[in-house]
């Protein structure tokens, strides 16, 4: 299974929705980075995501998926499963 990293905050309903979708796909380990607690990691998120400021920002291995809407669209298009398999 691929490595999943998600930048998030404490009170983000889209982060919870992304976690639920990933769990439904069998992802049991998500590396969560709380950008509300660590400003340096927020800057890292901005740089890695091409300037996106909203959470979640999801990375699967080295691929930037985007936010929850992007993750959901990728799933509906059939692209999430192959990406998770690595």
Foldseek 3Di string as FASTA:
>chain_A
DWAKEWEDADDDPQVVVQVVVVVVLVDDDYHYHHCVVPVVVQVVVCVLVVRDNDDTFMDTHSRTQGTSVSQVVCVVVVNPNVSNVD
